[in-house]
């Protein structure tokens, strides 16, 4: 059995194939980012999934693409967990950028590939090799244009009284904005980046409000300035995206890209289906 996994900070999509490429099952767990989770939490999330628990000894290959897997230390950390949980599997761990590349860009074709979901990232793919100019330092100093970036912006504007009154009242009705609740989730609970990203739903649902349009536009422009424009070929190759923010704010994202003379490429919400096709071709 072959397992293919696309793991973001919020959730992980799993597809199982047999040796001929036939789909056996699809399942989902919570995110498995090694940067913010302990070994015990990751093992619990695996064990609590019925399909994975039932089939763990049948797995011979595991292709894992995950947020937080950009360093050798984090890759080794996950491989050790997978070796223990899937005893007969050879595990290959790559950062989630590779999932975005394989799901949007054909081998041999150039393109800039971006992630805009709970977090954000950007790479240039020359058709064979991945090139990055920005080393991610995680959700606190980086992640421009992402779900947690927009969530942080909304909370700050609400508390600094910069959110319009009508929208602020609606925001307060939909979320528990008590300071103690926010601080508990940010500083004491796991996955604070995922918690921040939950507020981005409000921005998507109210994207036509003038305030929201301004926040979205500035956030995407900041992502373009800091990430995409660092590549010399930025205006000459397609700009591809995966992630929920890119998907649900496709119209707004496209407008900002075109304003910067950038070529809009493929936009996918989830790369897992593209990953499945990629691995079927390599069987």
C-alpha atoms as a PDB file:
ATOM      1  CA  UNK A   1       0.000   0.000   0.000  1.00  0.00           C
ATOM      2  CA  UNK A   2       1.186   3.492  -0.883  1.00  0.00           C
ATOM      3  CA  UNK A   3       0.158   6.469   1.245  1.00  0.00           C
ATOM      4  CA  UNK A   4       0.285  10.011  -0.154  1.00  0.00           C
ATOM      5  CA  UNK A   5      -0.145  12.831   2.340  1.00  0.00           C
ATOM      6  CA  UNK A   6      -0.592  16.574   1.986  1.00  0.00           C
ATOM      7  CA  UNK A   7      -0.296  18.014   5.489  1.00  0.00           C
ATOM      8  CA  UNK A   8      -0.990  21.654   6.234  1.00  0.00           C
ATOM      9  CA  UNK A   9      -1.013  23.322   9.609  1.00  0.00           C
ATOM     10  CA  UNK A  10      -4.769  22.776   9.949  1.00  0.00           C
ATOM     11  CA  UNK A  11      -5.464  19.377   8.379  1.00  0.00           C
ATOM     12  CA  UNK A  12      -3.813  16.508   6.538  1.00  0.00           C
ATOM     13  CA  UNK A  13      -5.313  14.783   3.485  1.00  0.00           C
ATOM     14  CA  UNK A  14      -4.376  11.128   2.966  1.00  0.00           C
ATOM     15  CA  UNK A  15      -4.876   8.938  -0.116  1.00  0.00           C
ATOM     16  CA  UNK A  16      -4.023   5.231  -0.224  1.00  0.00           C
ATOM     17  CA  UNK A  17      -3.167   3.483  -3.506  1.00  0.00           C
ATOM     18  CA  UNK A  18      -2.385  -0.105  -4.329  1.00  0.00           C
ATOM     19  CA  UNK A  19       0.666  -1.057  -6.401  1.00  0.00           C
ATOM     20  CA  UNK A  20      -1.272  -0.516  -9.631  1.00  0.00           C
ATOM     21  CA  UNK A  21      -2.365   2.977  -8.660  1.00  0.00           C
ATOM     22  CA  UNK A  22      -5.938   2.105  -7.763  1.00  0.00           C
ATOM     23  CA  UNK A  23      -7.389   4.236  -4.984  1.00  0.00           C
ATOM     24  CA  UNK A  24      -8.070   2.277  -1.800  1.00  0.00           C
ATOM     25  CA  UNK A  25      -9.308   4.993   0.547  1.00  0.00           C
ATOM     26  CA  UNK A  26      -9.252   8.704   1.314  1.00  0.00           C
ATOM     27  CA  UNK A  27      -9.074   9.990   4.861  1.00  0.00           C
ATOM     28  CA  UNK A  28      -8.130  13.049   6.863  1.00  0.00           C
ATOM     29  CA  UNK A  29      -6.399  13.893  10.127  1.00  0.00           C
ATOM     30  CA  UNK A  30      -5.605  17.120  11.865  1.00  0.00           C
ATOM     31  CA  UNK A  31      -2.409  18.847  10.720  1.00  0.00           C
ATOM     32  CA  UNK A  32       0.929  17.217  11.584  1.00  0.00           C
ATOM     33  CA  UNK A  33       3.308  20.175  11.547  1.00  0.00           C
ATOM     34  CA  UNK A  34       6.466  19.110  13.430  1.00  0.00           C
ATOM     35  CA  UNK A  35       7.366  22.715  14.229  1.00  0.00           C
ATOM     36  CA  UNK A  36       4.434  23.206  16.598  1.00  0.00           C
ATOM     37  CA  UNK A  37       3.446  19.682  17.710  1.00  0.00           C
ATOM     38  CA  UNK A  38       5.066  17.192  20.066  1.00  0.00           C
ATOM     39  CA  UNK A  39       5.688  13.561  19.179  1.00  0.00           C
ATOM     40  CA  UNK A  40       2.849  12.468  21.464  1.00  0.00           C
ATOM     41  CA  UNK A  41       0.339  14.754  19.758  1.00  0.00           C
ATOM     42  CA  UNK A  42       1.349  13.557  16.287  1.00  0.00           C
ATOM     43  CA  UNK A  43       1.173   9.904  17.324  1.00  0.00           C
ATOM     44  CA  UNK A  44      -2.266  10.465  18.861  1.00  0.00           C
ATOM     45  CA  UNK A  45      -3.534  12.056  15.660  1.00  0.00           C
ATOM     46  CA  UNK A  46      -2.372   9.044  13.679  1.00  0.00           C
ATOM     47  CA  UNK A  47      -3.765   6.523  16.137  1.00  0.00           C
ATOM     48  CA  UNK A  48      -7.167   8.238  16.271  1.00  0.00           C
ATOM     49  CA  UNK A  49      -7.738   7.684  12.561  1.00  0.00           C
ATOM     50  CA  UNK A  50      -9.509   4.395  11.884  1.00  0.00           C
ATOM     51  CA  UNK A  51      -8.195   3.802   8.347  1.00  0.00           C
ATOM     52  CA  UNK A  52      -4.577   4.521   9.278  1.00  0.00           C
ATOM     53  CA  UNK A  53      -4.710   2.443  12.426  1.00  0.00           C
ATOM     54  CA  UNK A  54      -6.326  -0.506  10.626  1.00  0.00           C
ATOM     55  CA  UNK A  55      -3.866  -0.480   7.711  1.00  0.00           C
ATOM     56  CA  UNK A  56      -0.627   0.698   9.297  1.00  0.00           C
ATOM     57  CA  UNK A  57       1.188  -2.629   8.780  1.00  0.00           C
ATOM     58  CA  UNK A  58       0.124  -2.798   5.111  1.00  0.00           C
ATOM     59  CA  UNK A  59       1.841   0.449   4.163  1.00  0.00           C
ATOM     60  CA  UNK A  60       5.083  -0.038   2.206  1.00  0.00           C
ATOM     61  CA  UNK A  61       5.611   3.509   0.915  1.00  0.00           C
ATOM     62  CA  UNK A  62       4.739   6.810   2.548  1.00  0.00           C
ATOM     63  CA  UNK A  63       5.087  10.070   0.617  1.00  0.00           C
ATOM     64  CA  UNK A  64       4.566  12.875   3.110  1.00  0.00           C
ATOM     65  CA  UNK A  65       4.467  16.561   2.125  1.00  0.00           C
ATOM     66  CA  UNK A  66       4.083  18.784   5.139  1.00  0.00           C
ATOM     67  CA  UNK A  67       4.084  22.279   6.551  1.00  0.00           C
ATOM     68  CA  UNK A  68       7.010  22.730   8.908  1.00  0.00           C
ATOM     69  CA  UNK A  69       9.191  20.182   7.078  1.00  0.00           C
ATOM     70  CA  UNK A  70      11.689  22.604   5.599  1.00  0.00           C
ATOM     71  CA  UNK A  71      14.680  21.555   7.727  1.00  0.00           C
ATOM     72  CA  UNK A  72      16.547  18.263   8.011  1.00  0.00           C
ATOM     73  CA  UNK A  73      15.856  18.156  11.740  1.00  0.00           C
ATOM     74  CA  UNK A  74      12.082  18.313  11.257  1.00  0.00           C
ATOM     75  CA  UNK A  75      12.199  15.727   8.453  1.00  0.00           C
ATOM     76  CA  UNK A  76      14.177  13.335  10.648  1.00  0.00           C
ATOM     77  CA  UNK A  77      11.777  13.910  13.541  1.00  0.00           C
ATOM     78  CA  UNK A  78       8.780  12.882  11.404  1.00  0.00           C
ATOM     79  CA  UNK A  79      10.555   9.962   9.733  1.00  0.00           C
ATOM     80  CA  UNK A  80      11.276   8.482  13.164  1.00  0.00           C
ATOM     81  CA  UNK A  81       7.602   8.761  14.114  1.00  0.00           C
ATOM     82  CA  UNK A  82       6.456   7.207  10.837  1.00  0.00           C
ATOM     83  CA  UNK A  83       9.020   4.400  11.115  1.00  0.00           C
ATOM     84  CA  UNK A  84       7.546   3.502  14.482  1.00  0.00           C
ATOM     85  CA  UNK A  85       3.896   3.802  13.466  1.00  0.00           C
ATOM     86  CA  UNK A  86       4.146   2.277   9.961  1.00  0.00           C
ATOM     87  CA  UNK A  87       6.719  -0.485  10.652  1.00  0.00           C
ATOM     88  CA  UNK A  88       6.934  -1.793   7.077  1.00  0.00           C
ATOM     89  CA  UNK A  89       6.985   1.539   5.271  1.00  0.00           C
ATOM     90  CA  UNK A  90       9.763   3.507   3.661  1.00  0.00           C
ATOM     91  CA  UNK A  91       8.937   7.133   4.455  1.00  0.00           C
ATOM     92  CA  UNK A  92       9.876  10.068   2.254  1.00  0.00           C
ATOM     93  CA  UNK A  93       9.282  13.438   3.946  1.00  0.00           C
ATOM     94  CA  UNK A  94       9.315  16.690   1.966  1.00  0.00           C
ATOM     95  CA  UNK A  95       8.155  20.203   2.753  1.00  0.00           C
ATOM     96  CA  UNK A  96       4.678  21.149   1.542  1.00  0.00           C
ATOM     97  CA  UNK A  97       6.105  23.327  -1.226  1.00  0.00           C
ATOM     98  CA  UNK A  98       6.857  20.156  -3.205  1.00  0.00           C
ATOM     99  CA  UNK A  99       3.203  19.150  -2.964  1.00  0.00           C
ATOM    100  CA  UNK A 100       2.241  22.507  -4.425  1.00  0.00           C
ATOM    101  CA  UNK A 101       4.761  22.070  -7.246  1.00  0.00           C
ATOM    102  CA  UNK A 102       3.749  18.533  -8.188  1.00  0.00           C
ATOM    103  CA  UNK A 103       0.043  19.466  -8.047  1.00  0.00           C
ATOM    104  CA  UNK A 104       0.284  22.555 -10.285  1.00  0.00           C
ATOM    105  CA  UNK A 105       3.389  22.389 -12.471  1.00  0.00           C
ATOM    106  CA  UNK A 106       4.365  19.686 -14.941  1.00  0.00           C
ATOM    107  CA  UNK A 107       7.867  18.265 -14.750  1.00  0.00           C
ATOM    108  CA  UNK A 108      10.049  20.184 -17.187  1.00  0.00           C
ATOM    109  CA  UNK A 109       7.945  23.352 -17.011  1.00  0.00           C
ATOM    110  CA  UNK A 110       8.955  26.536 -15.184  1.00  0.00           C
ATOM    111  CA  UNK A 111       6.785  28.350 -12.716  1.00  0.00           C
ATOM    112  CA  UNK A 112       6.569  30.131  -9.407  1.00  0.00           C
ATOM    113  CA  UNK A 113       4.550  28.110  -6.927  1.00  0.00           C
ATOM    114  CA  UNK A 114       2.920  29.679  -3.869  1.00  0.00           C
ATOM    115  CA  UNK A 115       1.082  28.402  -0.825  1.00  0.00           C
ATOM    116  CA  UNK A 116      -1.658  30.607   0.599  1.00  0.00           C
ATOM    117  CA  UNK A 117      -3.532  28.674   3.254  1.00  0.00           C
ATOM    118  CA  UNK A 118      -3.130  28.688   7.022  1.00  0.00           C
ATOM    119  CA  UNK A 119       0.468  29.720   6.290  1.00  0.00           C
ATOM    120  CA  UNK A 120       2.248  30.948   3.178  1.00  0.00           C
ATOM    121  CA  UNK A 121       5.333  30.172   1.122  1.00  0.00           C
ATOM    122  CA  UNK A 122       6.759  30.745  -2.345  1.00  0.00           C
ATOM    123  CA  UNK A 123       9.284  28.908  -4.535  1.00  0.00           C
ATOM    124  CA  UNK A 124      10.576  28.928  -8.090  1.00  0.00           C
ATOM    125  CA  UNK A 125      10.572  25.625  -9.982  1.00  0.00           C
ATOM    126  CA  UNK A 126      12.891  25.534 -13.009  1.00  0.00           C
ATOM    127  CA  UNK A 127      11.408  22.292 -14.326  1.00  0.00           C
ATOM    128  CA  UNK A 128      13.724  20.083 -12.299  1.00  0.00           C
ATOM    129  CA  UNK A 129      14.908  21.878  -9.177  1.00  0.00           C
ATOM    130  CA  UNK A 130      13.211  23.882  -6.432  1.00  0.00           C
ATOM    131  CA  UNK A 131      14.645  27.297  -5.586  1.00  0.00           C
ATOM    132  CA  UNK A 132      13.716  29.376  -2.542  1.00  0.00           C
ATOM    133  CA  UNK A 133      14.942  32.828  -1.611  1.00  0.00           C
ATOM    134  CA  UNK A 134      13.065  33.135   1.664  1.00  0.00           C
ATOM    135  CA  UNK A 135      13.681  30.791   4.585  1.00  0.00           C
ATOM    136  CA  UNK A 136      10.509  30.579   6.611  1.00  0.00           C
ATOM    137  CA  UNK A 137      10.741  31.575  10.254  1.00  0.00           C
ATOM    138  CA  UNK A 138       7.187  30.458  10.949  1.00  0.00           C
ATOM    139  CA  UNK A 139       3.887  32.187  11.464  1.00  0.00           C
ATOM    140  CA  UNK A 140       4.934  34.981  13.853  1.00  0.00           C
ATOM    141  CA  UNK A 141       7.388  37.006  11.717  1.00  0.00           C
ATOM    142  CA  UNK A 142       6.337  35.727   8.265  1.00  0.00           C
ATOM    143  CA  UNK A 143       3.395  34.046   6.492  1.00  0.00           C
ATOM    144  CA  UNK A 144       2.332  37.186   4.591  1.00  0.00           C
ATOM    145  CA  UNK A 145      -1.089  36.917   2.949  1.00  0.00           C
ATOM    146  CA  UNK A 146      -1.997  33.708   4.789  1.00  0.00           C
ATOM    147  CA  UNK A 147      -4.975  32.769   6.934  1.00  0.00           C
ATOM    148  CA  UNK A 148      -3.113  33.372  10.177  1.00  0.00           C
ATOM    149  CA  UNK A 149      -1.744  36.671   8.781  1.00  0.00           C
ATOM    150  CA  UNK A 150      -5.257  37.921   8.071  1.00  0.00           C
ATOM    151  CA  UNK A 151      -6.584  36.563  11.371  1.00  0.00           C
ATOM    152  CA  UNK A 152      -3.905  38.433  13.297  1.00  0.00           C
ATOM    153  CA  UNK A 153      -4.751  41.606  11.346  1.00  0.00           C
ATOM    154  CA  UNK A 154      -8.458  41.341  12.193  1.00  0.00           C
ATOM    155  CA  UNK A 155      -7.832  40.830  15.907  1.00  0.00           C
ATOM    156  CA  UNK A 156      -5.384  43.720  16.059  1.00  0.00           C
ATOM    157  CA  UNK A 157      -7.692  46.083  14.184  1.00  0.00           C
ATOM    158  CA  UNK A 158     -10.597  45.122  16.416  1.00  0.00           C
ATOM    159  CA  UNK A 159      -8.628  45.783  19.598  1.00  0.00           C
ATOM    160  CA  UNK A 160      -7.058  48.987  18.266  1.00  0.00           C
ATOM    161  CA  UNK A 161     -10.534  50.211  17.178  1.00  0.00           C
ATOM    162  CA  UNK A 162      -9.479  50.375  13.534  1.00  0.00           C
ATOM    163  CA  UNK A 163     -12.244  48.078  12.313  1.00  0.00           C
ATOM    164  CA  UNK A 164     -15.405  49.904  11.169  1.00  0.00           C
ATOM    165  CA  UNK A 165     -18.116  49.832  13.815  1.00  0.00           C
ATOM    166  CA  UNK A 166     -20.640  47.829  11.792  1.00  0.00           C
ATOM    167  CA  UNK A 167     -18.093  45.156  10.954  1.00  0.00           C
ATOM    168  CA  UNK A 168     -16.641  45.167  14.467  1.00  0.00           C
ATOM    169  CA  UNK A 169     -20.036  44.468  16.005  1.00  0.00           C
ATOM    170  CA  UNK A 170     -20.572  41.587  13.601  1.00  0.00           C
ATOM    171  CA  UNK A 171     -17.066  40.258  14.304  1.00  0.00           C
ATOM    172  CA  UNK A 172     -17.761  40.284  18.058  1.00  0.00           C
ATOM    173  CA  UNK A 173     -21.024  38.368  17.574  1.00  0.00           C
ATOM    174  CA  UNK A 174     -19.347  35.581  15.618  1.00  0.00           C
ATOM    175  CA  UNK A 175     -16.222  35.041  17.747  1.00  0.00           C
ATOM    176  CA  UNK A 176     -15.325  34.973  21.420  1.00  0.00           C
ATOM    177  CA  UNK A 177     -13.016  37.973  21.559  1.00  0.00           C
ATOM    178  CA  UNK A 178     -12.429  38.061  25.308  1.00  0.00           C
ATOM    179  CA  UNK A 179      -8.767  38.813  25.928  1.00  0.00           C
ATOM    180  CA  UNK A 180      -8.335  35.797  28.206  1.00  0.00           C
ATOM    181  CA  UNK A 181      -9.769  33.464  25.556  1.00  0.00           C
ATOM    182  CA  UNK A 182      -7.510  34.838  22.832  1.00  0.00           C
ATOM    183  CA  UNK A 183      -4.403  34.661  25.020  1.00  0.00           C
ATOM    184  CA  UNK A 184      -5.242  31.137  26.138  1.00  0.00           C
ATOM    185  CA  UNK A 185      -5.399  29.984  22.512  1.00  0.00           C
ATOM    186  CA  UNK A 186      -2.299  31.897  21.447  1.00  0.00           C
ATOM    187  CA  UNK A 187       0.028  31.102  24.324  1.00  0.00           C
ATOM    188  CA  UNK A 188      -1.205  27.940  26.031  1.00  0.00           C
ATOM    189  CA  UNK A 189      -2.983  25.796  23.445  1.00  0.00           C
ATOM    190  CA  UNK A 190      -1.372  23.906  20.527  1.00  0.00           C
ATOM    191  CA  UNK A 191      -1.524  25.255  16.973  1.00  0.00           C
ATOM    192  CA  UNK A 192      -1.834  29.015  17.624  1.00  0.00           C
ATOM    193  CA  UNK A 193      -1.301  29.610  13.898  1.00  0.00           C
ATOM    194  CA  UNK A 194      -4.348  27.489  13.117  1.00  0.00           C
ATOM    195  CA  UNK A 195      -6.362  29.359  15.729  1.00  0.00           C
ATOM    196  CA  UNK A 196      -5.468  32.696  14.121  1.00  0.00           C
ATOM    197  CA  UNK A 197      -6.416  31.344  10.703  1.00  0.00           C
ATOM    198  CA  UNK A 198      -9.969  30.577  11.885  1.00  0.00           C
ATOM    199  CA  UNK A 199     -10.645  34.315  11.898  1.00  0.00           C
ATOM    200  CA  UNK A 200      -9.840  34.561   8.183  1.00  0.00           C
ATOM    201  CA  UNK A 201     -13.219  32.968   7.442  1.00  0.00           C
ATOM    202  CA  UNK A 202     -14.808  36.228   8.562  1.00  0.00           C
ATOM    203  CA  UNK A 203     -12.729  38.141   6.032  1.00  0.00           C
ATOM    204  CA  UNK A 204     -13.778  35.792   3.219  1.00  0.00           C
ATOM    205  CA  UNK A 205     -17.451  35.979   4.173  1.00  0.00           C
ATOM    206  CA  UNK A 206     -17.320  39.781   4.305  1.00  0.00           C
ATOM    207  CA  UNK A 207     -14.882  40.322   1.444  1.00  0.00           C
ATOM    208  CA  UNK A 208     -17.100  42.899  -0.294  1.00  0.00           C
ATOM    209  CA  UNK A 209     -16.992  45.304   2.652  1.00  0.00           C
ATOM    210  CA  UNK A 210     -14.664  48.258   1.875  1.00  0.00           C
ATOM    211  CA  UNK A 211     -12.567  47.512   4.964  1.00  0.00           C
ATOM    212  CA  UNK A 212     -12.157  43.863   3.954  1.00  0.00           C
ATOM    213  CA  UNK A 213     -11.245  44.769   0.390  1.00  0.00           C
ATOM    214  CA  UNK A 214      -8.473  46.988   1.699  1.00  0.00           C
ATOM    215  CA  UNK A 215      -7.114  44.352   4.074  1.00  0.00           C
ATOM    216  CA  UNK A 216      -7.148  41.650   1.391  1.00  0.00           C
ATOM    217  CA  UNK A 217      -5.535  43.882  -1.220  1.00  0.00           C
ATOM    218  CA  UNK A 218      -2.741  45.052   1.079  1.00  0.00           C
ATOM    219  CA  UNK A 219      -2.101  41.525   2.355  1.00  0.00           C
ATOM    220  CA  UNK A 220      -1.736  40.071  -1.138  1.00  0.00           C
ATOM    221  CA  UNK A 221       0.402  42.979  -2.275  1.00  0.00           C
ATOM    222  CA  UNK A 222       2.690  42.434   0.709  1.00  0.00           C
ATOM    223  CA  UNK A 223       3.005  38.751  -0.212  1.00  0.00           C
ATOM    224  CA  UNK A 224       3.877  39.655  -3.802  1.00  0.00           C
ATOM    225  CA  UNK A 225       6.438  42.254  -2.733  1.00  0.00           C
ATOM    226  CA  UNK A 226       8.180  40.087  -0.148  1.00  0.00           C
ATOM    227  CA  UNK A 227       7.957  36.671  -1.772  1.00  0.00           C
ATOM    228  CA  UNK A 228       7.207  36.628  -5.500  1.00  0.00           C
ATOM    229  CA  UNK A 229       9.132  39.684  -6.656  1.00  0.00           C
ATOM    230  CA  UNK A 230      12.411  38.356  -5.265  1.00  0.00           C
ATOM    231  CA  UNK A 231      12.626  36.082  -8.304  1.00  0.00           C
ATOM    232  CA  UNK A 232      14.095  37.649 -11.447  1.00  0.00           C
ATOM    233  CA  UNK A 233      11.671  35.734 -13.699  1.00  0.00           C
ATOM    234  CA  UNK A 234       8.598  36.741 -11.687  1.00  0.00           C
ATOM    235  CA  UNK A 235       6.868  38.527 -14.578  1.00  0.00           C
ATOM    236  CA  UNK A 236       7.831  35.912 -17.173  1.00  0.00           C
ATOM    237  CA  UNK A 237       6.521  32.606 -15.756  1.00  0.00           C
ATOM    238  CA  UNK A 238       3.100  31.488 -14.449  1.00  0.00           C
ATOM    239  CA  UNK A 239       2.367  32.079 -10.761  1.00  0.00           C
ATOM    240  CA  UNK A 240       0.604  28.991  -9.363  1.00  0.00           C
ATOM    241  CA  UNK A 241      -1.160  28.699  -6.020  1.00  0.00           C
ATOM    242  CA  UNK A 242      -2.528  26.117  -3.635  1.00  0.00           C
ATOM    243  CA  UNK A 243      -4.416  26.744  -0.406  1.00  0.00           C
ATOM    244  CA  UNK A 244      -7.798  27.819   0.919  1.00  0.00           C
ATOM    245  CA  UNK A 245      -7.015  31.541   0.991  1.00  0.00           C
ATOM    246  CA  UNK A 246      -5.943  31.514  -2.665  1.00  0.00           C
ATOM    247  CA  UNK A 247      -9.024  29.458  -3.552  1.00  0.00           C
ATOM    248  CA  UNK A 248     -11.699  31.444  -1.703  1.00  0.00           C
ATOM    249  CA  UNK A 249     -10.163  34.819  -2.589  1.00  0.00           C
ATOM    250  CA  UNK A 250      -9.288  33.849  -6.159  1.00  0.00           C
ATOM    251  CA  UNK A 251     -10.912  36.933  -7.726  1.00  0.00           C
ATOM    252  CA  UNK A 252      -9.152  39.341  -5.377  1.00  0.00           C
ATOM    253  CA  UNK A 253      -5.821  37.532  -5.719  1.00  0.00           C
ATOM    254  CA  UNK A 254      -6.052  37.522  -9.511  1.00  0.00           C
ATOM    255  CA  UNK A 255      -6.710  41.269  -9.572  1.00  0.00           C
ATOM    256  CA  UNK A 256      -3.602  42.017  -7.504  1.00  0.00           C
ATOM    257  CA  UNK A 257      -1.450  39.672  -9.598  1.00  0.00           C
ATOM    258  CA  UNK A 258      -2.584  41.267 -12.843  1.00  0.00           C
ATOM    259  CA  UNK A 259      -1.988  44.744 -11.426  1.00  0.00           C
ATOM    260  CA  UNK A 260       1.636  43.695 -10.904  1.00  0.00           C
ATOM    261  CA  UNK A 261       1.943  42.341 -14.469  1.00  0.00           C
ATOM    262  CA  UNK A 262       2.155  38.767 -13.215  1.00  0.00           C
ATOM    263  CA  UNK A 263       0.879  35.724 -15.119  1.00  0.00           C
ATOM    264  CA  UNK A 264      -1.922  33.925 -13.281  1.00  0.00           C
ATOM    265  CA  UNK A 265      -1.407  30.166 -13.414  1.00  0.00           C
ATOM    266  CA  UNK A 266      -3.161  27.250 -11.710  1.00  0.00           C
ATOM    267  CA  UNK A 267      -5.041  27.881  -8.445  1.00  0.00           C
ATOM    268  CA  UNK A 268      -6.012  24.781  -6.432  1.00  0.00           C
ATOM    269  CA  UNK A 269      -7.591  24.626  -3.014  1.00  0.00           C
ATOM    270  CA  UNK A 270      -6.038  21.269  -2.161  1.00  0.00           C
ATOM    271  CA  UNK A 271      -3.052  19.691  -3.909  1.00  0.00           C
ATOM    272  CA  UNK A 272      -3.845  16.108  -2.916  1.00  0.00           C
ATOM    273  CA  UNK A 273      -5.589  15.133  -6.190  1.00  0.00           C
ATOM    274  CA  UNK A 274      -2.704  16.510  -8.244  1.00  0.00           C
ATOM    275  CA  UNK A 275      -0.280  14.622  -6.009  1.00  0.00           C
ATOM    276  CA  UNK A 276      -2.167  11.386  -6.587  1.00  0.00           C
ATOM    277  CA  UNK A 277      -1.870  11.786 -10.365  1.00  0.00           C
ATOM    278  CA  UNK A 278       1.832  12.641 -10.050  1.00  0.00           C
ATOM    279  CA  UNK A 279       2.590   9.499  -8.041  1.00  0.00           C
ATOM    280  CA  UNK A 280       0.492   7.302 -10.314  1.00  0.00           C
ATOM    281  CA  UNK A 281       2.738   8.355 -13.165  1.00  0.00           C
ATOM    282  CA  UNK A 282       5.840   7.317 -11.221  1.00  0.00           C
ATOM    283  CA  UNK A 283       4.628   3.818 -10.238  1.00  0.00           C
END
